[in-house]
Amino acid sequence: MYSESSKKKGQREITYQVGWKKGKIALNEGGAAEILVKSHALEESTSVKGQAFLRFLWQAVPTLPNGLLLPLLYGLPLVCFMLTLVLVYSLRF
């Protein structure tokens, strides 16, 4: 049913694409897989400037005192609702 050449196992190559990342997997006769990846992803910058910027982004954020959190929890939805009413009525006239 199959010819001799199709039964013969040589080097097979499987191509795949995940998002923008494309690659090829080459299967050798022994079963070992060699992966060749071609990617357009940006390389991580190892410069001092990039590391300083990452440290700045991940620094701890100061929090508000506990006495202000409860009034803000109830006050902000009311302020947003009032602002929405003002905007709706300003469009009406």
C-alpha atoms as a PDB file:
ATOM      1  CA  MET A   1       0.000   0.000   0.000  1.00  0.00           C
ATOM      2  CA  TYR A   2       2.798   2.427   0.906  1.00  0.00           C
ATOM      3  CA  SER A   3       5.946   2.737  -1.123  1.00  0.00           C
ATOM      4  CA  GLU A   4       9.384   2.003   0.263  1.00  0.00           C
ATOM      5  CA  SER A   5      10.341   5.690   0.354  1.00  0.00           C
ATOM      6  CA  SER A   6       7.371   6.653   2.539  1.00  0.00           C
ATOM      7  CA  LYS A   7       8.100   3.819   5.003  1.00  0.00           C
ATOM      8  CA  LYS A   8      11.728   4.805   5.285  1.00  0.00           C
ATOM      9  CA  LYS A   9      12.248   7.034   8.276  1.00  0.00           C
ATOM     10  CA  GLY A  10      14.571   9.879   7.634  1.00  0.00           C
ATOM     11  CA  GLN A  11      14.694  13.342   9.040  1.00  0.00           C
ATOM     12  CA  ARG A  12      11.201  14.748   9.547  1.00  0.00           C
ATOM     13  CA  GLU A  13      10.478  18.411  10.038  1.00  0.00           C
ATOM     14  CA  ILE A  14       7.420  19.790  11.815  1.00  0.00           C
ATOM     15  CA  THR A  15       6.607  23.496  11.560  1.00  0.00           C
ATOM     16  CA  TYR A  16       4.412  25.307  14.050  1.00  0.00           C
ATOM     17  CA  GLN A  17       3.170  28.812  14.761  1.00  0.00           C
ATOM     18  CA  VAL A  18       1.951  30.164  18.092  1.00  0.00           C
ATOM     19  CA  GLY A  19       0.929  33.782  17.720  1.00  0.00           C
ATOM     20  CA  TRP A  20       3.820  35.557  16.060  1.00  0.00           C
ATOM     21  CA  LYS A  21       6.310  32.904  17.084  1.00  0.00           C
ATOM     22  CA  LYS A  22       7.222  30.437  14.338  1.00  0.00           C
ATOM     23  CA  GLY A  23       9.470  27.448  14.674  1.00  0.00           C
ATOM     24  CA  LYS A  24      10.528  24.117  13.280  1.00  0.00           C
ATOM     25  CA  ILE A  25      11.091  20.854  15.082  1.00  0.00           C
ATOM     26  CA  ALA A  26      13.433  18.469  13.288  1.00  0.00           C
ATOM     27  CA  LEU A  27      13.019  14.829  14.339  1.00  0.00           C
ATOM     28  CA  ASN A  28      16.071  12.687  13.685  1.00  0.00           C
ATOM     29  CA  GLU A  29      16.063   8.955  13.100  1.00  0.00           C
ATOM     30  CA  GLY A  30      17.176   8.251  16.666  1.00  0.00           C
ATOM     31  CA  GLY A  31      14.167  10.091  18.073  1.00  0.00           C
ATOM     32  CA  ALA A  32      16.086  13.093  19.350  1.00  0.00           C
ATOM     33  CA  ALA A  33      14.384  16.396  18.595  1.00  0.00           C
ATOM     34  CA  GLU A  34      16.202  19.519  17.588  1.00  0.00           C
ATOM     35  CA  ILE A  35      14.170  22.692  17.911  1.00  0.00           C
ATOM     36  CA  LEU A  36      14.871  25.669  15.682  1.00  0.00           C
ATOM     37  CA  VAL A  37      12.939  28.724  16.813  1.00  0.00           C
ATOM     38  CA  LYS A  38      12.584  31.919  14.820  1.00  0.00           C
ATOM     39  CA  SER A  39      10.992  34.615  16.917  1.00  0.00           C
ATOM     40  CA  HIS A  40      10.335  38.292  16.480  1.00  0.00           C
ATOM     41  CA  ALA A  41      10.019  38.831  20.227  1.00  0.00           C
ATOM     42  CA  LEU A  42      11.919  41.688  21.789  1.00  0.00           C
ATOM     43  CA  GLU A  43      15.009  40.770  23.728  1.00  0.00           C
ATOM     44  CA  GLU A  44      15.145  41.819  27.336  1.00  0.00           C
ATOM     45  CA  SER A  45      17.331  44.834  27.816  1.00  0.00           C
ATOM     46  CA  THR A  46      20.183  44.284  30.219  1.00  0.00           C
ATOM     47  CA  SER A  47      21.292  47.879  30.249  1.00  0.00           C
ATOM     48  CA  VAL A  48      21.685  49.797  33.482  1.00  0.00           C
ATOM     49  CA  LYS A  49      19.004  52.242  32.379  1.00  0.00           C
ATOM     50  CA  GLY A  50      16.501  49.412  31.822  1.00  0.00           C
ATOM     51  CA  GLN A  51      17.251  47.834  35.184  1.00  0.00           C
ATOM     52  CA  ALA A  52      16.807  51.166  36.975  1.00  0.00           C
ATOM     53  CA  PHE A  53      13.461  51.683  35.239  1.00  0.00           C
ATOM     54  CA  LEU A  54      12.277  48.219  36.312  1.00  0.00           C
ATOM     55  CA  ARG A  55      13.308  48.908  39.905  1.00  0.00           C
ATOM     56  CA  PHE A  56      11.338  52.174  39.754  1.00  0.00           C
ATOM     57  CA  LEU A  57       8.246  50.380  38.457  1.00  0.00           C
ATOM     58  CA  TRP A  58       8.329  47.683  41.136  1.00  0.00           C
ATOM     59  CA  GLN A  59       8.928  49.865  44.180  1.00  0.00           C
ATOM     60  CA  ALA A  60       6.437  49.781  47.048  1.00  0.00           C
ATOM     61  CA  VAL A  61       3.474  52.138  46.782  1.00  0.00           C
ATOM     62  CA  PRO A  62       2.542  54.184  49.845  1.00  0.00           C
ATOM     63  CA  THR A  63      -0.955  53.494  51.180  1.00  0.00           C
ATOM     64  CA  LEU A  64      -3.532  55.760  52.748  1.00  0.00           C
ATOM     65  CA  PRO A  65      -4.221  55.647  56.483  1.00  0.00           C
ATOM     66  CA  ASN A  66      -6.988  53.247  57.534  1.00  0.00           C
ATOM     67  CA  GLY A  67      -9.176  56.153  58.710  1.00  0.00           C
ATOM     68  CA  LEU A  68      -9.497  57.444  55.131  1.00  0.00           C
ATOM     69  CA  LEU A  69     -10.165  54.132  53.404  1.00  0.00           C
ATOM     70  CA  LEU A  70     -13.721  53.606  54.695  1.00  0.00           C
ATOM     71  CA  PRO A  71     -14.962  57.112  53.775  1.00  0.00           C
ATOM     72  CA  LEU A  72     -13.368  56.739  50.323  1.00  0.00           C
ATOM     73  CA  LEU A  73     -15.021  53.350  49.912  1.00  0.00           C
ATOM     74  CA  TYR A  74     -18.471  54.910  50.382  1.00  0.00           C
ATOM     75  CA  GLY A  75     -17.715  58.356  48.966  1.00  0.00           C
ATOM     76  CA  LEU A  76     -16.217  57.544  45.572  1.00  0.00           C
ATOM     77  CA  PRO A  77     -19.303  55.748  44.186  1.00  0.00           C
ATOM     78  CA  LEU A  78     -21.458  58.696  45.266  1.00  0.00           C
ATOM     79  CA  VAL A  79     -19.100  61.184  43.632  1.00  0.00           C
ATOM     80  CA  CYS A  80     -19.072  59.131  40.405  1.00  0.00           C
ATOM     81  CA  PHE A  81     -22.870  58.931  40.398  1.00  0.00           C
ATOM     82  CA  MET A  82     -23.217  62.680  40.925  1.00  0.00           C
ATOM     83  CA  LEU A  83     -20.691  63.371  38.170  1.00  0.00           C
ATOM     84  CA  THR A  84     -22.631  61.097  35.814  1.00  0.00           C
ATOM     85  CA  LEU A  85     -25.852  62.986  36.583  1.00  0.00           C
ATOM     86  CA  VAL A  86     -24.149  66.315  35.919  1.00  0.00           C
ATOM     87  CA  LEU A  87     -22.820  65.081  32.571  1.00  0.00           C
ATOM     88  CA  VAL A  88     -26.195  63.655  31.517  1.00  0.00           C
ATOM     89  CA  TYR A  89     -28.053  66.854  32.425  1.00  0.00           C
ATOM     90  CA  SER A  90     -25.425  68.997  30.683  1.00  0.00           C
ATOM     91  CA  LEU A  91     -26.051  67.034  27.460  1.00  0.00           C
ATOM     92  CA  ARG A  92     -29.781  67.574  27.824  1.00  0.00           C
ATOM     93  CA  PHE A  93     -29.561  71.368  27.577  1.00  0.00           C
END
